[in-house]
Amino acid sequence: MTSFKKHTSRLAIAAVLILGGLLGWAILQKDTAQPQDEHGHAAHTEDGAHADAEHHGAAPDKAHTDAPAHDDDEHHEVAEAAQAEPSAKGPHGGRLFTSGSFGLEVSIFEEGVPPEFRLYPSQNGKPLSPSQVTATLTLERLGRAPQVIRFKPQGDFLQADAEVVEPHSFKVSVEAVQDGKTHRFGYTQEEARVTMSDAQLKQAGVTLAVAGPARISSQLALLGEVRYNADRTVQVVPRLAGLVEAVPVSAGERVRKGQVLAVLSSPALADQRAEGMAAQKRLALARTTFEREKQLWQDKISAEQDYQQARAALQEAEIAEQNSRQKLANLGATASRNSNLTRFELRAPLDGVITDKRITVGQSVSETEPVFTVSDLSSVWVEAPVATKDLGTIRTGMAVQVAANGFDAQAVGTITYISALVGEQTRSATARVVLPNPKGLWRPGLPVRVAVTETQADVPVAIDVEAIQTVRDWQVVFGRYGQQLEARPLTLGRSDGKRVEVLSGLSAGELYAAKNSFVIKAELGKAGASHDH
């Protein structure tokens, strides 16, 4: 019996020792355990008597004697770690973060308004009045100073006081205070961004440039068309009805002034020539008679009256012959030197090119029908419509640059004429430039671009025109930040065709992709330019 009691006592003592060891181990684990955030890091929990800033600098042995009674703001601003799932979506389509019972949905709203941040607070999963929460949001972008955005209550959400400019690519840090506690959340969003090393850029032929000041020649861009110089273009009309016997030239052929273009047979011309020959014979007879009567009158053989009659007859014959000769000259014909009185030679009125031909052998033509158009293309007109809003900025004598649309050709000229009337249908006037064309490069009908130089101005930020690309509905330039290139939407100003003023979107001193920037756009397309809100 004594042995049994001793054995029982030993078991009881062992049980007590084991329970004590387990209790001590549990206490140690409770003291050393710390909560972790979504990344596995120890969360910064400030609870109970050691939550405020006062205790962050206090000695370990200092007692917190005022904890039971104080109610000031200093000790009620308790920072809690963000507990959120990265893929969590809130009921408004934004990112949903939670910290204990507090929740905050962060979204970018852009339906009918410029993009803006909106915050939707909640408590235990239920909407919380936005007036009970104060919040600030900090945006960190590549190459930019941090932007602090503040919020005000609006309906069931907190509305930002600033627009979220594109691209929506940044690091976001949110600080929300509710019921004396501070909650911090954050995430990173990338958009319209690619990574390329210097070696990759060099291999792709992409060159970098620095945005900076430049002198921009302000230009008015017009679309025009090359036309014939109407002052040096002639429509050839026969002026005599007849039958076409020969056409020794073709359309597009260059001709010299006086060169035969066509040969016609015209009965009307035969009548004119016959009349002219008769007038010449009458003139010769009248001249002979006058000389004889003059001699007789001087020798006192005939009366003065006979001399005066011969003189009058000579004058009439001269007038008739001159009239006949003038008629032939007006027709572009001469007195025939052979027996063929009907032959009529149609000749070029000036040096130029036959730009239109409407005559063939055997054709019967009238005296008023144009059969050739001959144009001197050593100079041409460039005509461009000018909208009424631009009429106040242009004037005759202004310098212009003309560039062909279909090939690489440029020329310099001046505005020589601006129409006095505005078209009823087009609501535009016409500006005309006389352009030298010694090589025949500027052909009538060719569409061209006309750049009118207005003024010159020094601008603080300008970039190369060839650097601009289109991404979505933006005009962008790719800024270079370390190894990353990001599409920066631009607001552009004046341009001279080579350089363009940047009003917003890029700052002086920033690197950007200039030549062959389309390669980066292609890389961006491969990577996929998401627009995740």
Protein backbone atom coordinates (compact mmCIF):
# COMPACT_ATOMS: atom_id res chain seq x y z
CA MET A 1 0.00 0.00 0.00
CA THR A 2 2.82 2.36 0.89
CA SER A 3 4.53 1.59 -2.41
CA PHE A 4 1.31 2.40 -4.34
CA LYS A 5 0.98 5.83 -2.68
CA LYS A 6 4.57 6.71 -3.47
CA HIS A 7 4.03 5.81 -7.11
CA THR A 8 0.86 7.93 -7.31
CA SER A 9 2.64 10.96 -5.84
CA ARG A 10 5.40 10.72 -8.40
CA LEU A 11 2.88 10.69 -11.29
CA ALA A 12 1.11 13.77 -9.93
CA ILE A 13 4.37 15.69 -9.61
CA ALA A 14 5.36 14.76 -13.19
CA ALA A 15 1.96 15.89 -14.52
CA VAL A 16 2.29 19.24 -12.75
CA LEU A 17 5.77 19.76 -14.21
CA ILE A 18 4.59 18.93 -17.75
CA LEU A 19 1.59 21.29 -17.52
CA GLY A 20 3.80 24.07 -16.18
CA GLY A 21 6.26 23.62 -19.06
CA LEU A 22 3.49 23.74 -21.64
CA LEU A 23 2.00 26.88 -20.06
CA GLY A 24 5.38 28.63 -20.06
CA TRP A 25 5.98 27.75 -23.71
CA ALA A 26 2.54 29.16 -24.67
CA ILE A 27 3.24 32.42 -22.83
CA LEU A 28 6.59 32.81 -24.61
CA GLN A 29 4.95 32.21 -28.00
CA LYS A 30 2.28 34.81 -27.29
CA ASP A 31 4.86 37.44 -26.35
CA THR A 32 7.05 36.88 -29.39
CA ALA A 33 4.35 36.41 -32.10
CA GLN A 34 3.64 39.40 -34.31
CA PRO A 35 0.97 39.77 -37.04
CA GLN A 36 2.16 39.83 -40.63
CA ASP A 37 0.97 41.84 -43.59
CA GLU A 38 0.07 40.50 -47.05
CA HIS A 39 3.76 40.35 -48.00
CA GLY A 40 4.75 38.23 -44.99
CA HIS A 41 6.41 41.17 -43.16
CA ALA A 42 5.77 41.90 -39.52
CA ALA A 43 2.87 44.31 -39.25
CA HIS A 44 3.35 47.49 -37.26
CA THR A 45 0.55 47.12 -34.69
CA GLU A 46 0.30 49.82 -32.12
CA ASP A 47 -2.33 48.76 -29.66
CA GLY A 48 -3.28 49.25 -26.03
CA ALA A 49 -0.76 51.21 -24.03
CA HIS A 50 1.99 51.37 -26.71
CA ALA A 51 0.24 52.66 -29.81
CA ASP A 52 1.18 56.34 -29.97
CA ALA A 53 4.35 58.17 -30.96
CA GLU A 54 5.12 58.93 -27.35
CA HIS A 55 6.14 55.36 -26.67
CA HIS A 56 8.30 55.04 -29.76
CA GLY A 57 10.94 57.12 -28.06
CA ALA A 58 10.31 56.30 -24.38
CA ALA A 59 12.61 54.21 -22.19
CA PRO A 60 11.56 50.57 -21.80
CA ASP A 61 11.05 50.90 -18.09
CA LYS A 62 8.87 54.00 -18.23
CA ALA A 63 5.34 53.24 -17.06
CA HIS A 64 2.33 54.35 -19.14
CA THR A 65 0.54 55.93 -16.19
CA ASP A 66 -1.99 58.01 -18.19
CA ALA A 67 -3.31 55.17 -20.42
CA PRO A 68 -6.48 54.41 -18.43
CA ALA A 69 -7.82 57.96 -18.43
CA HIS A 70 -6.54 59.96 -21.48
CA ASP A 71 -8.75 60.59 -24.56
CA ASP A 72 -6.67 63.06 -26.62
CA ASP A 73 -6.05 62.73 -30.41
CA GLU A 74 -2.38 61.98 -29.89
CA HIS A 75 -3.13 58.54 -28.53
CA HIS A 76 -6.15 57.78 -30.74
CA GLU A 77 -4.24 57.95 -34.08
CA VAL A 78 -3.42 54.28 -34.16
CA ALA A 79 -1.57 53.01 -37.24
CA GLU A 80 -2.73 49.62 -38.46
CA ALA A 81 -1.11 47.51 -41.17
CA ALA A 82 -2.84 47.08 -44.51
CA GLN A 83 -4.43 43.67 -44.89
CA ALA A 84 -5.56 43.34 -48.54
CA GLU A 85 -5.67 40.84 -51.32
CA PRO A 86 -3.94 42.31 -54.46
CA SER A 87 -6.63 40.91 -56.74
CA ALA A 88 -9.59 41.91 -54.58
CA LYS A 89 -12.21 43.97 -56.42
CA GLY A 90 -14.70 46.22 -54.73
CA PRO A 91 -18.36 46.71 -55.69
CA HIS A 92 -17.38 49.82 -57.70
CA GLY A 93 -14.72 48.03 -59.74
CA GLY A 94 -11.76 49.40 -57.79
CA ARG A 95 -9.10 47.81 -55.59
CA LEU A 96 -10.44 46.78 -52.20
CA PHE A 97 -8.14 47.01 -49.16
CA THR A 98 -8.97 45.98 -45.60
CA SER A 99 -7.38 46.61 -42.24
CA GLY A 100 -9.22 44.86 -39.46
CA SER A 101 -12.87 45.85 -39.73
CA PHE A 102 -12.08 48.90 -41.89
CA GLY A 103 -12.18 48.65 -45.66
CA LEU A 104 -11.34 51.11 -48.44
CA GLU A 105 -12.00 50.73 -52.15
CA VAL A 106 -9.68 52.80 -54.41
CA SER A 107 -10.87 53.45 -57.95
CA ILE A 108 -10.28 55.83 -60.85
CA PHE A 109 -13.55 57.18 -62.21
CA GLU A 110 -13.66 58.71 -65.73
CA GLU A 111 -17.19 58.41 -67.07
CA GLY A 112 -18.27 61.84 -68.29
CA VAL A 113 -15.59 63.60 -66.22
CA PRO A 114 -11.80 63.89 -66.32
CA PRO A 115 -10.20 60.87 -64.59
CA GLU A 116 -10.29 61.23 -60.79
CA PHE A 117 -9.64 59.05 -57.78
CA ARG A 118 -12.66 58.03 -55.70
CA LEU A 119 -12.47 56.29 -52.33
CA TYR A 120 -15.33 54.19 -50.93
CA PRO A 121 -14.93 53.48 -47.16
CA SER A 122 -16.63 50.58 -45.38
CA GLN A 123 -16.89 49.09 -41.88
CA ASN A 124 -17.34 45.36 -41.41
CA GLY A 125 -18.16 45.09 -45.11
CA LYS A 126 -20.91 47.72 -44.96
CA PRO A 127 -20.69 51.23 -46.51
CA LEU A 128 -19.31 53.84 -44.15
CA SER A 129 -20.19 57.51 -44.34
CA PRO A 130 -17.32 59.32 -46.14
CA SER A 131 -17.61 62.19 -43.64
CA GLN A 132 -16.16 59.85 -40.98
CA VAL A 133 -12.93 59.38 -42.97
CA THR A 134 -10.15 61.75 -43.98
CA ALA A 135 -7.68 60.59 -46.61
CA THR A 136 -4.71 61.63 -48.70
CA LEU A 137 -3.21 59.83 -51.68
CA THR A 138 0.33 60.16 -53.00
CA LEU A 139 1.26 59.39 -56.61
CA GLU A 140 4.85 58.66 -57.57
CA ARG A 141 5.61 58.73 -61.31
CA LEU A 142 8.81 58.17 -63.28
CA GLY A 143 10.77 61.39 -63.50
CA ARG A 144 8.24 63.43 -61.53
CA ALA A 145 7.98 64.81 -58.01
CA PRO A 146 5.38 63.02 -55.85
CA GLN A 147 1.85 64.39 -56.22
CA VAL A 148 -0.30 64.63 -53.09
CA ILE A 149 -4.06 64.40 -53.66
CA ARG A 150 -6.62 65.24 -51.00
CA PHE A 151 -10.26 64.25 -50.77
CA LYS A 152 -13.61 65.64 -49.72
CA PRO A 153 -16.90 63.82 -49.02
CA GLN A 154 -19.24 63.61 -52.00
CA GLY A 155 -22.30 61.38 -51.82
CA ASP A 156 -21.18 57.90 -50.79
CA PHE A 157 -17.51 58.41 -51.68
CA LEU A 158 -14.50 60.62 -51.13
CA GLN A 159 -13.72 62.71 -54.24
CA ALA A 160 -10.17 63.75 -55.23
CA ASP A 161 -9.27 67.40 -55.65
CA ALA A 162 -7.10 66.80 -58.76
CA GLU A 163 -7.34 65.10 -62.14
CA VAL A 164 -5.38 61.90 -62.74
CA VAL A 165 -3.45 62.65 -65.92
CA GLU A 166 -2.46 59.92 -68.35
CA PRO A 167 -0.79 57.56 -68.41
CA HIS A 168 -2.15 55.89 -65.30
CA SER A 169 1.24 54.44 -64.46
CA PHE A 170 2.44 55.13 -60.94
CA LYS A 171 2.98 53.96 -57.37
CA VAL A 172 0.00 54.75 -55.15
CA SER A 173 0.15 55.30 -51.38
CA VAL A 174 -3.10 55.93 -49.48
CA GLU A 175 -3.42 57.10 -45.90
CA ALA A 176 -6.90 57.04 -44.37
CA VAL A 177 -7.85 58.11 -40.84
CA GLN A 178 -11.05 56.74 -39.32
CA ASP A 179 -12.12 56.82 -35.70
CA GLY A 180 -8.69 57.99 -34.59
CA LYS A 181 -6.85 55.20 -36.40
CA THR A 182 -4.54 55.62 -39.40
CA HIS A 183 -4.63 52.99 -42.13
CA ARG A 184 -2.04 52.86 -44.89
CA PHE A 185 -2.45 51.03 -48.18
CA GLY A 186 -0.46 50.98 -51.39
CA TYR A 187 -0.11 49.40 -54.81
CA THR A 188 1.77 49.89 -58.07
CA GLN A 189 0.19 50.22 -61.51
CA GLU A 190 2.11 50.21 -64.81
CA GLU A 191 0.75 51.35 -68.14
CA ALA A 192 2.22 52.30 -71.56
CA ARG A 193 5.69 51.36 -70.36
CA VAL A 194 8.43 49.11 -71.78
CA THR A 195 11.96 48.26 -70.69
CA MET A 196 14.81 48.52 -73.21
CA SER A 197 18.52 48.68 -72.54
CA ASP A 198 20.95 51.02 -74.29
CA ALA A 199 22.16 48.11 -76.38
CA GLN A 200 18.63 47.26 -77.49
CA LEU A 201 17.95 50.88 -78.43
CA LYS A 202 21.16 51.07 -80.42
CA GLN A 203 20.40 47.84 -82.23
CA ALA A 204 16.92 49.13 -83.14
CA GLY A 205 18.36 52.43 -84.40
CA VAL A 206 16.55 54.47 -81.75
CA THR A 207 18.33 57.70 -80.84
CA LEU A 208 17.68 59.74 -77.71
CA ALA A 209 17.37 63.51 -77.49
CA VAL A 210 16.82 66.04 -74.72
CA ALA A 211 13.69 68.21 -74.62
CA GLY A 212 14.60 71.85 -74.33
CA PRO A 213 14.23 75.40 -75.61
CA ALA A 214 14.07 76.09 -79.34
CA ARG A 215 13.13 78.78 -81.84
CA ILE A 216 9.94 77.81 -83.61
CA SER A 217 8.82 79.42 -86.82
CA SER A 218 5.05 79.47 -86.48
CA GLN A 219 3.47 78.11 -89.65
CA LEU A 220 0.01 77.91 -91.14
CA ALA A 221 -0.41 74.60 -92.93
CA LEU A 222 -2.56 74.60 -96.08
CA LEU A 223 -3.41 71.91 -98.62
CA GLY A 224 -3.09 73.08 -102.20
CA GLU A 225 -2.80 71.96 -105.80
CA VAL A 226 -0.48 72.82 -108.67
CA ARG A 227 -2.27 74.51 -111.57
CA TYR A 228 -1.36 75.96 -114.94
CA ASN A 229 -0.05 79.48 -114.94
CA ALA A 230 -3.10 81.06 -116.56
CA ASP A 231 -1.02 84.05 -117.64
CA ARG A 232 1.15 81.68 -119.69
CA THR A 233 -1.53 79.28 -120.99
CA VAL A 234 -3.27 79.77 -124.38
CA GLN A 235 -6.13 77.94 -126.03
CA VAL A 236 -5.50 77.77 -129.79
CA VAL A 237 -8.62 78.49 -131.89
CA PRO A 238 -8.51 78.22 -135.75
CA ARG A 239 -10.60 81.38 -136.30
CA LEU A 240 -11.45 79.89 -139.70
CA ALA A 241 -13.71 76.97 -140.44
CA GLY A 242 -12.04 74.24 -142.45
CA LEU A 243 -11.02 70.63 -142.91
CA VAL A 244 -7.97 69.26 -141.08
CA GLU A 245 -5.33 68.01 -143.53
CA ALA A 246 -2.37 67.36 -141.19
CA VAL A 247 -1.50 67.40 -137.46
CA PRO A 248 2.29 67.06 -137.06
CA VAL A 249 2.34 67.38 -133.22
CA SER A 250 1.05 65.31 -130.29
CA ALA A 251 -0.22 66.04 -126.80
CA GLY A 252 2.60 66.50 -124.26
CA GLU A 253 5.02 67.64 -126.96
CA ARG A 254 7.13 70.70 -126.35
CA VAL A 255 6.78 73.31 -129.10
CA ARG A 256 8.36 76.62 -130.01
CA LYS A 257 6.56 79.84 -130.78
CA GLY A 258 5.51 79.92 -134.47
CA GLN A 259 5.82 76.14 -134.93
CA VAL A 260 3.12 74.59 -137.18
CA LEU A 261 0.57 72.67 -135.10
CA ALA A 262 -1.92 71.73 -137.81
CA VAL A 263 -2.71 72.36 -141.50
CA LEU A 264 -6.29 73.13 -142.55
CA SER A 265 -8.02 73.60 -145.87
CA SER A 266 -10.34 76.62 -145.64
CA PRO A 267 -12.47 77.99 -148.52
CA ALA A 268 -13.07 81.12 -146.48
CA LEU A 269 -9.35 81.74 -146.42
CA ALA A 270 -9.20 81.39 -150.21
CA ASP A 271 -11.73 84.21 -150.52
CA GLN A 272 -9.68 86.41 -148.20
CA ARG A 273 -6.48 85.73 -150.06
CA ALA A 274 -8.13 86.37 -153.45
CA GLU A 275 -9.41 89.65 -152.16
CA GLY A 276 -5.96 90.50 -150.92
CA MET A 277 -4.32 89.68 -154.26
CA ALA A 278 -6.87 91.87 -156.06
CA ALA A 279 -6.19 94.71 -153.68
CA GLN A 280 -2.46 94.43 -154.34
CA LYS A 281 -2.99 94.60 -158.11
CA ARG A 282 -5.32 97.60 -157.79
CA LEU A 283 -2.72 99.29 -155.61
CA ALA A 284 0.03 98.67 -158.15
CA LEU A 285 -2.13 100.11 -160.96
CA ALA A 286 -3.15 103.12 -158.88
CA ARG A 287 0.46 103.82 -158.03
CA THR A 288 1.50 103.70 -161.70
CA THR A 289 -1.38 105.99 -162.73
CA PHE A 290 -0.53 108.43 -159.95
CA GLU A 291 3.12 108.64 -161.00
CA ARG A 292 2.18 109.28 -164.62
CA GLU A 293 -0.41 111.97 -163.80
CA LYS A 294 1.97 113.62 -161.43
CA GLN A 295 4.65 113.84 -164.12
CA LEU A 296 2.18 115.19 -166.68
CA TRP A 297 0.92 117.80 -164.25
CA GLN A 298 4.46 118.88 -163.44
CA ASP A 299 5.22 119.14 -167.16
CA LYS A 300 2.09 121.27 -167.59
CA ILE A 301 0.67 118.78 -170.00
CA SER A 302 -2.42 117.67 -168.02
CA ALA A 303 -4.70 119.49 -165.68
CA GLU A 304 -4.21 119.47 -161.92
CA GLN A 305 -7.63 117.90 -161.57
CA ASP A 306 -6.40 114.69 -163.25
CA TYR A 307 -3.43 114.60 -160.87
CA GLN A 308 -5.67 114.99 -157.79
CA GLN A 309 -8.01 112.22 -158.97
CA ALA A 310 -5.05 109.85 -159.47
CA ARG A 311 -3.78 110.72 -156.01
CA ALA A 312 -7.16 109.96 -154.38
CA ALA A 313 -7.38 106.66 -156.25
CA LEU A 314 -3.93 105.67 -154.96
CA GLN A 315 -4.90 106.42 -151.39
CA GLU A 316 -8.07 104.33 -151.68
CA ALA A 317 -6.10 101.43 -153.15
CA GLU A 318 -3.57 101.62 -150.31
CA ILE A 319 -6.37 101.52 -147.74
CA ALA A 320 -8.02 98.53 -149.41
CA GLU A 321 -4.72 96.61 -149.60
CA GLN A 322 -3.89 97.39 -145.97
CA ASN A 323 -7.35 96.26 -144.87
CA SER A 324 -7.01 92.97 -146.73
CA ARG A 325 -3.57 92.34 -145.27
CA GLN A 326 -4.80 93.10 -141.75
CA LYS A 327 -7.64 90.61 -142.10
CA LEU A 328 -5.22 87.87 -143.05
CA ALA A 329 -2.93 88.79 -140.13
CA ASN A 330 -5.85 88.64 -137.70
CA LEU A 331 -6.62 85.16 -138.93
CA GLY A 332 -3.04 84.12 -138.38
CA ALA A 333 -2.57 83.62 -142.12
CA THR A 334 -0.39 85.25 -144.72
CA ALA A 335 -0.77 85.86 -148.40
CA SER A 336 -0.30 82.61 -150.28
CA ARG A 337 3.00 82.16 -152.11
CA ASN A 338 1.65 79.29 -154.19
CA SER A 339 -1.49 78.38 -156.02
CA ASN A 340 -3.12 76.74 -152.98
CA LEU A 341 -5.17 79.58 -151.55
CA THR A 342 -7.06 77.34 -149.08
CA ARG A 343 -4.01 76.13 -147.09
CA PHE A 344 -4.05 77.42 -143.52
CA GLU A 345 -1.27 76.72 -141.04
CA LEU A 346 -2.21 76.80 -137.36
CA ARG A 347 0.90 77.86 -135.37
CA ALA A 348 1.96 77.84 -131.71
CA PRO A 349 1.39 81.21 -130.04
CA LEU A 350 4.23 80.75 -127.48
CA ASP A 351 6.93 78.39 -126.28
CA GLY A 352 5.43 75.65 -124.15
CA VAL A 353 3.90 72.19 -123.93
CA ILE A 354 0.78 70.95 -125.68
CA THR A 355 -1.33 70.10 -122.66
CA ASP A 356 -4.55 69.44 -124.60
CA LYS A 357 -5.20 68.30 -128.18
CA ARG A 358 -8.69 68.04 -129.70
CA ILE A 359 -8.01 67.79 -133.39
CA THR A 360 -7.45 64.90 -135.82
CA VAL A 361 -6.85 64.58 -139.56
CA GLY A 362 -10.07 64.71 -141.57
CA GLN A 363 -11.96 66.54 -138.84
CA SER A 364 -14.07 69.54 -139.77
CA VAL A 365 -13.48 72.35 -137.29
CA SER A 366 -15.29 75.60 -136.69
CA GLU A 367 -13.73 79.00 -136.32
CA THR A 368 -14.52 79.19 -132.54
CA GLU A 369 -13.65 75.66 -131.40
CA PRO A 370 -10.44 75.31 -129.28
CA VAL A 371 -8.29 72.57 -130.78
CA PHE A 372 -5.05 72.92 -128.76
CA THR A 373 -4.00 74.16 -125.33
CA VAL A 374 -0.38 75.29 -125.09
CA SER A 375 1.03 76.09 -121.64
CA ASP A 376 4.38 77.48 -120.63
CA LEU A 377 5.29 75.26 -117.67
CA SER A 378 8.47 77.10 -116.79
CA SER A 379 6.33 78.57 -114.01
CA VAL A 380 3.14 77.25 -112.38
CA TRP A 381 0.55 78.40 -109.91
CA VAL A 382 -0.03 76.76 -106.54
CA GLU A 383 -3.50 77.54 -105.26
CA ALA A 384 -4.67 76.71 -101.73
CA PRO A 385 -7.96 77.44 -99.97
CA VAL A 386 -7.66 79.56 -96.82
CA ALA A 387 -10.34 79.27 -94.13
CA THR A 388 -11.96 82.49 -93.01
CA LYS A 389 -10.44 82.14 -89.51
CA ASP A 390 -6.94 82.28 -91.06
CA LEU A 391 -7.49 85.18 -93.44
CA GLY A 392 -6.31 87.66 -90.84
CA THR A 393 -2.91 85.97 -90.54
CA ILE A 394 -1.87 85.85 -94.21
CA ARG A 395 -1.11 88.55 -96.74
CA THR A 396 0.53 88.92 -100.12
CA GLY A 397 4.31 88.84 -100.05
CA MET A 398 4.55 86.24 -97.25
CA ALA A 399 7.11 83.48 -97.76
CA VAL A 400 5.84 79.93 -98.16
CA GLN A 401 7.33 76.45 -98.42
CA VAL A 402 5.71 74.08 -100.90
CA ALA A 403 6.17 70.31 -100.50
CA ALA A 404 4.85 67.56 -102.75
CA ASN A 405 2.65 64.87 -101.22
CA GLY A 406 3.63 62.02 -103.50
CA PHE A 407 7.42 62.40 -103.54
CA ASP A 408 10.27 64.24 -101.89
CA ALA A 409 10.32 67.72 -103.42
CA GLN A 410 10.26 71.17 -101.88
CA ALA A 411 10.33 74.73 -103.19
CA VAL A 412 10.16 78.25 -101.81
CA GLY A 413 7.84 80.96 -103.08
CA THR A 414 5.74 83.95 -102.04
CA ILE A 415 2.03 84.63 -101.95
CA THR A 416 1.20 86.84 -104.95
CA TYR A 417 -2.59 86.90 -104.73
CA ILE A 418 -5.42 86.35 -102.24
CA SER A 419 -8.93 86.32 -103.67
CA ALA A 420 -11.15 89.19 -102.64
CA LEU A 421 -14.24 86.96 -102.36
CA VAL A 422 -15.01 84.01 -100.08
CA GLY A 423 -16.59 80.98 -101.72
CA GLU A 424 -20.26 80.56 -100.93
CA GLN A 425 -19.97 76.79 -100.54
CA THR A 426 -16.41 76.42 -99.24
CA ARG A 427 -16.38 79.50 -97.01
CA SER A 428 -12.75 80.00 -97.91
CA ALA A 429 -10.64 82.33 -100.02
CA THR A 430 -7.88 81.29 -102.42
CA ALA A 431 -4.21 82.07 -101.95
CA ARG A 432 -1.94 81.82 -104.99
CA VAL A 433 1.79 81.27 -105.23
CA VAL A 434 3.74 81.61 -108.48
CA LEU A 435 6.33 78.85 -108.41
CA PRO A 436 9.34 78.62 -110.77
CA ASN A 437 9.39 75.25 -112.53
CA PRO A 438 12.55 75.10 -114.68
CA LYS A 439 12.80 71.28 -114.50
CA GLY A 440 9.10 70.62 -114.98
CA LEU A 441 8.90 68.87 -111.61
CA TRP A 442 5.72 70.61 -110.50
CA ARG A 443 3.01 69.18 -112.72
CA PRO A 444 -0.51 70.66 -112.84
CA GLY A 445 -2.91 68.61 -110.72
CA LEU A 446 -0.24 67.59 -108.19
CA PRO A 447 -1.46 67.87 -104.56
CA VAL A 448 0.94 69.77 -102.32
CA ARG A 449 1.35 71.06 -98.77
CA VAL A 450 1.81 74.78 -98.34
CA ALA A 451 3.43 76.04 -95.12
CA VAL A 452 3.03 79.77 -94.56
CA THR A 453 5.64 81.18 -92.16
CA GLU A 454 3.84 83.55 -89.79
CA THR A 455 6.16 84.42 -86.90
CA GLN A 456 9.22 83.16 -85.05
CA ALA A 457 9.17 82.58 -81.32
CA ASP A 458 11.44 81.12 -78.63
CA VAL A 459 9.69 78.33 -76.70
CA PRO A 460 10.87 76.74 -73.41
CA VAL A 461 10.26 73.11 -74.42
CA ALA A 462 10.37 71.61 -77.90
CA ILE A 463 10.97 68.16 -79.38
CA ASP A 464 11.56 66.64 -82.83
CA VAL A 465 8.37 66.13 -84.83
CA GLU A 466 9.48 62.63 -85.86
CA ALA A 467 9.48 61.57 -82.17
CA ILE A 468 5.70 61.88 -81.90
CA GLN A 469 3.69 58.66 -82.07
CA THR A 470 0.03 57.83 -81.59
CA VAL A 471 -0.96 55.48 -78.74
CA ARG A 472 -4.68 54.92 -78.24
CA ASP A 473 -6.07 58.41 -78.83
CA TRP A 474 -2.97 60.21 -77.51
CA GLN A 475 -0.15 62.00 -79.25
CA VAL A 476 2.82 60.79 -77.23
CA VAL A 477 6.56 60.87 -76.92
CA PHE A 478 8.46 58.09 -75.18
CA GLY A 479 10.34 59.46 -72.17
CA ARG A 480 13.45 57.59 -71.04
CA TYR A 481 13.85 56.93 -67.29
CA GLY A 482 16.70 54.57 -66.46
CA GLN A 483 16.05 51.44 -68.52
CA GLN A 484 12.36 52.22 -68.92
CA LEU A 485 10.51 54.13 -71.62
CA GLU A 486 7.04 55.44 -70.95
CA ALA A 487 4.51 56.99 -73.31
CA ARG A 488 3.85 60.56 -72.21
CA PRO A 489 0.69 62.15 -73.70
CA LEU A 490 1.45 65.66 -74.96
CA THR A 491 -0.30 68.93 -75.50
CA LEU A 492 1.41 70.45 -78.52
CA GLY A 493 1.71 74.04 -79.69
CA ARG A 494 3.43 75.70 -82.63
CA SER A 495 5.45 73.75 -85.15
CA ASP A 496 7.73 74.50 -88.06
CA GLY A 497 7.58 70.99 -89.49
CA LYS A 498 10.83 69.89 -87.82
CA ARG A 499 10.38 70.94 -84.20
CA VAL A 500 7.16 71.27 -82.23
CA GLU A 501 6.41 73.13 -79.02
CA VAL A 502 5.37 71.05 -75.99
CA LEU A 503 2.84 72.83 -73.79
CA SER A 504 2.44 69.96 -71.31
CA GLY A 505 3.44 66.33 -70.87
CA LEU A 506 7.24 66.66 -70.99
CA SER A 507 9.65 68.95 -69.14
CA ALA A 508 12.86 70.60 -70.27
CA GLY A 509 15.86 68.38 -69.70
CA GLU A 510 13.99 65.08 -70.01
CA LEU A 511 15.33 62.38 -72.32
CA TYR A 512 13.04 61.09 -75.04
CA ALA A 513 13.21 58.72 -78.00
CA ALA A 514 13.63 60.80 -81.14
CA LYS A 515 14.56 58.88 -84.28
CA ASN A 516 12.83 55.53 -84.96
CA SER A 517 10.54 55.87 -81.95
CA PHE A 518 8.01 53.71 -83.81
CA VAL A 519 10.13 50.71 -82.71
CA ILE A 520 9.19 51.43 -79.09
CA LYS A 521 5.54 51.74 -80.06
CA ALA A 522 5.79 48.28 -81.64
CA GLU A 523 7.35 46.87 -78.47
CA LEU A 524 4.59 48.46 -76.43
CA GLY A 525 2.03 46.75 -78.66
CA LYS A 526 3.69 43.39 -78.07
CA ALA A 527 3.69 43.92 -74.30
CA GLY A 528 0.09 45.11 -74.28
CA ALA A 529 -0.70 48.66 -73.12
CA SER A 530 -3.23 47.88 -70.40
CA HIS A 531 -5.51 50.50 -68.92
CA ASP A 532 -6.23 48.92 -65.54
CA HIS A 533 -8.10 50.95 -62.97
